[in-house]
N, C-alpha and C. Protein backbone atom coordinates (compact mmCIF):
# COMPACT_ATOMS: atom_id res chain seq x y z
N MET A 1 -5.88 -7.89 1.41
CA MET A 1 -6.78 -6.83 0.83
C MET A 1 -7.94 -6.90 0.63
N ILE A 2 -8.14 -8.62 0.42
CA ILE A 2 -9.51 -9.31 0.13
C ILE A 2 -10.30 -9.37 1.38
N ASP A 3 -9.63 -9.87 2.37
CA ASP A 3 -10.33 -9.79 3.56
C ASP A 3 -10.87 -8.17 4.01
N VAL A 4 -9.88 -7.46 3.92
CA VAL A 4 -10.44 -5.89 4.40
C VAL A 4 -11.38 -5.64 3.45
N ALA A 5 -11.71 -5.97 2.36
CA ALA A 5 -12.81 -5.46 1.48
C ALA A 5 -14.14 -6.24 2.00
N ARG A 6 -14.00 -7.37 2.46
CA ARG A 6 -14.73 -8.43 2.46
C ARG A 6 -15.58 -7.74 3.75
N LEU A 7 -14.93 -7.26 4.91
CA LEU A 7 -15.06 -6.81 6.20
C LEU A 7 -15.81 -5.25 6.08
N ALA A 8 -15.43 -4.78 5.14
CA ALA A 8 -15.62 -3.37 4.84
C ALA A 8 -17.31 -3.31 3.76
N GLY A 9 -17.36 -4.13 3.19
CA GLY A 9 -18.36 -4.46 2.33
C GLY A 9 -18.06 -3.78 1.14
N VAL A 10 -16.97 -3.50 0.31
CA VAL A 10 -16.32 -3.19 -0.44
C VAL A 10 -15.59 -3.61 -1.53
N SER A 11 -15.54 -3.21 -2.80
CA SER A 11 -14.74 -4.20 -3.50
C SER A 11 -12.85 -3.93 -3.02
N THR A 12 -12.04 -4.66 -3.79
CA THR A 12 -10.52 -4.39 -3.41
C THR A 12 -10.33 -3.25 -4.36
N ALA A 13 -10.86 -2.87 -5.22
CA ALA A 13 -10.70 -1.83 -6.11
C ALA A 13 -10.69 -0.37 -4.74
N THR A 14 -11.92 -0.52 -4.48
CA THR A 14 -12.25 0.49 -3.22
C THR A 14 -11.08 0.64 -2.36
N VAL A 15 -10.56 -0.40 -1.86
CA VAL A 15 -9.67 -0.91 -0.93
C VAL A 15 -8.59 -0.10 -1.42
N SER A 16 -8.11 -0.32 -2.58
CA SER A 16 -6.71 0.09 -3.31
C SER A 16 -7.10 1.41 -3.27
N ARG A 17 -7.86 2.29 -3.74
CA ARG A 17 -8.17 3.83 -3.90
C ARG A 17 -8.27 4.49 -2.70
N VAL A 18 -8.82 4.00 -1.18
CA VAL A 18 -8.64 4.20 -0.02
C VAL A 18 -7.29 4.43 0.08
N LEU A 19 -6.47 3.23 0.00
CA LEU A 19 -4.91 3.43 0.46
C LEU A 19 -3.95 4.54 -0.42
N ASN A 20 -4.35 4.59 -1.79
CA ASN A 20 -3.68 5.22 -2.87
C ASN A 20 -4.20 6.68 -2.88
N ASN A 21 -5.32 6.98 -2.90
CA ASN A 21 -5.82 8.05 -3.10
C ASN A 21 -6.98 8.37 -2.33
N PRO A 22 -6.98 8.77 -1.06
CA PRO A 22 -7.87 8.57 -0.11
C PRO A 22 -9.15 10.18 -0.49
N GLU A 23 -8.77 10.84 -1.39
CA GLU A 23 -9.66 11.84 -1.61
C GLU A 23 -10.44 11.67 -2.63
N LEU A 24 -10.65 10.19 -3.39
CA LEU A 24 -11.49 9.88 -4.68
C LEU A 24 -12.81 9.00 -3.77
N VAL A 25 -12.89 8.77 -2.33
CA VAL A 25 -13.61 7.91 -2.05
C VAL A 25 -14.17 8.82 -1.00
N ASN A 26 -15.45 8.24 -0.53
CA ASN A 26 -16.71 8.94 0.13
C ASN A 26 -15.94 8.57 1.39
N GLU A 27 -16.22 9.63 2.48
CA GLU A 27 -15.62 9.86 3.79
C GLU A 27 -16.04 8.44 4.51
N GLU A 28 -17.43 8.58 4.45
CA GLU A 28 -18.22 7.26 4.91
C GLU A 28 -17.57 5.80 4.47
N THR A 29 -17.26 5.63 3.30
CA THR A 29 -16.60 4.31 3.03
C THR A 29 -15.25 4.35 3.42
N ARG A 30 -14.72 5.38 3.22
CA ARG A 30 -12.79 5.87 3.24
C ARG A 30 -12.90 5.34 5.07
N GLN A 31 -14.24 5.78 5.83
CA GLN A 31 -13.55 5.45 7.38
C GLN A 31 -13.78 3.54 7.46
N ARG A 32 -14.96 3.23 7.14
CA ARG A 32 -15.34 2.03 7.10
C ARG A 32 -14.14 0.88 6.58
N VAL A 33 -13.25 1.21 5.64
CA VAL A 33 -12.25 0.60 5.16
C VAL A 33 -11.18 0.95 6.29
N MET A 34 -11.08 1.79 6.70
CA MET A 34 -9.90 2.24 7.58
C MET A 34 -10.29 1.44 8.69
N ASP A 35 -11.23 1.25 8.99
CA ASP A 35 -11.58 0.59 10.37
C ASP A 35 -11.25 -0.92 10.43
N SER A 36 -11.72 -0.96 9.01
CA SER A 36 -11.23 -2.83 9.00
C SER A 36 -9.78 -2.95 8.72
N ILE A 37 -9.57 -2.39 8.28
CA ILE A 37 -7.71 -2.17 7.88
C ILE A 37 -7.36 -2.57 9.48
N GLN A 38 -7.57 -1.22 10.61
CA GLN A 38 -7.36 -1.45 11.62
C GLN A 38 -7.72 -2.86 12.61
N GLN A 39 -8.89 -2.96 12.51
CA GLN A 39 -9.24 -4.40 12.81
C GLN A 39 -8.76 -6.01 12.64
N LEU A 40 -8.18 -5.67 11.07
CA LEU A 40 -7.61 -7.01 10.94
C LEU A 40 -5.88 -6.47 11.24
N GLY A 41 -5.45 -5.76 11.59
CA GLY A 41 -4.17 -5.43 11.67
C GLY A 41 -3.24 -5.67 10.12
N TYR A 42 -4.05 -5.31 9.04
CA TYR A 42 -3.63 -4.81 7.63
C TYR A 42 -2.69 -3.89 7.45
N ARG A 43 -1.42 -4.67 6.52
CA ARG A 43 -0.27 -3.93 6.11
C ARG A 43 -0.05 -3.86 4.54
N ILE A 44 0.38 -2.70 3.94
CA ILE A 44 0.67 -3.14 2.77
C ILE A 44 1.93 -4.04 2.58
N ASN A 45 2.12 -5.01 1.75
CA ASN A 45 3.11 -5.16 1.25
C ASN A 45 4.06 -5.08 0.28
N VAL A 46 5.11 -4.21 0.67
CA VAL A 46 5.68 -3.44 -0.25
C VAL A 46 6.50 -4.42 -1.19
N ALA A 47 6.78 -5.30 -0.78
CA ALA A 47 7.46 -6.27 -1.86
C ALA A 47 6.99 -6.80 -2.89
N ALA A 48 5.85 -6.85 -2.51
CA ALA A 48 4.65 -7.51 -3.17
C ALA A 48 4.22 -6.57 -4.28
N ARG A 49 3.73 -4.99 -3.67
CA ARG A 49 3.91 -3.91 -4.82
C ARG A 49 4.88 -3.95 -5.97
N HIS A 50 6.22 -4.12 -5.63
CA HIS A 50 7.44 -3.73 -6.23
C HIS A 50 7.22 -4.66 -7.34
N LEU A 51 6.71 -5.88 -6.86
CA LEU A 51 6.45 -7.41 -8.00
C LEU A 51 5.38 -6.72 -9.05
N ARG A 52 4.35 -6.35 -8.19
CA ARG A 52 3.30 -6.02 -8.97
C ARG A 52 3.74 -4.66 -10.16
N THR A 53 4.02 -3.72 -9.65
CA THR A 53 4.38 -2.70 -10.55
C THR A 53 5.40 -2.74 -11.44
N ASN A 54 6.90 -3.83 -10.77
CA ASN A 54 7.96 -4.00 -11.39
C ASN A 54 8.27 -2.54 -11.54
N GLN A 55 8.51 -1.86 -10.73
CA GLN A 55 8.94 -0.72 -10.00
C GLN A 55 9.63 -0.90 -8.55
N THR A 56 10.89 -0.70 -8.53
CA THR A 56 11.16 -0.45 -7.11
C THR A 56 11.28 0.75 -6.29
N ARG A 57 11.83 1.69 -7.32
CA ARG A 57 11.74 3.36 -6.90
C ARG A 57 13.22 3.26 -6.05
N LEU A 58 14.00 2.52 -6.36
CA LEU A 58 15.35 2.33 -5.43
C LEU A 58 16.57 3.14 -6.62
N ILE A 59 17.51 3.63 -6.14
CA ILE A 59 18.46 4.24 -7.01
C ILE A 59 20.23 3.48 -6.40
N ALA A 60 20.38 2.38 -7.09
CA ALA A 60 21.71 2.07 -6.87
C ALA A 60 23.15 3.06 -7.01
N VAL A 61 24.03 3.24 -5.92
CA VAL A 61 25.10 3.94 -6.25
C VAL A 61 26.89 2.84 -6.27
N VAL A 62 27.11 2.37 -7.36
CA VAL A 62 28.57 1.84 -6.72
C VAL A 62 29.27 2.88 -7.04
N ILE A 63 30.44 2.66 -5.60
CA ILE A 63 31.72 3.03 -5.35
C ILE A 63 32.50 2.12 -5.83
N PRO A 64 33.72 2.42 -6.34
CA PRO A 64 35.04 1.67 -6.33
C PRO A 64 35.79 1.12 -5.60
N THR A 65 36.06 2.52 -5.01
CA THR A 65 36.94 2.40 -3.55
C THR A 65 36.55 3.47 -2.55
N ILE A 66 36.50 3.12 -1.59
CA ILE A 66 36.70 4.45 -0.22
C ILE A 66 37.77 4.06 0.90
N SER A 67 38.25 5.15 0.40
CA SER A 67 39.65 5.23 1.18
C SER A 67 40.24 6.82 1.82
N ASP A 68 41.10 7.01 2.90
CA ASP A 68 41.49 8.19 3.13
C ASP A 68 42.89 8.61 2.47
N GLN A 69 43.34 7.56 1.42
CA GLN A 69 44.62 7.89 0.88
C GLN A 69 44.60 8.88 -0.11
């Protein structure tokens, strides 16, 4: 994200805003950030996001037995 921000000439907060709430960012800035993302091949690291937010948004279901009997 830091590299994307540096290439686009914006802060990392702006890159985050573009990825999470694009309607809050000026269209020209959003396009610059998106071009930088594409040029660098940036992908959101979902595991890092889960660690940062302390939320996985997953639900575990435990079933004691599965049988046809």
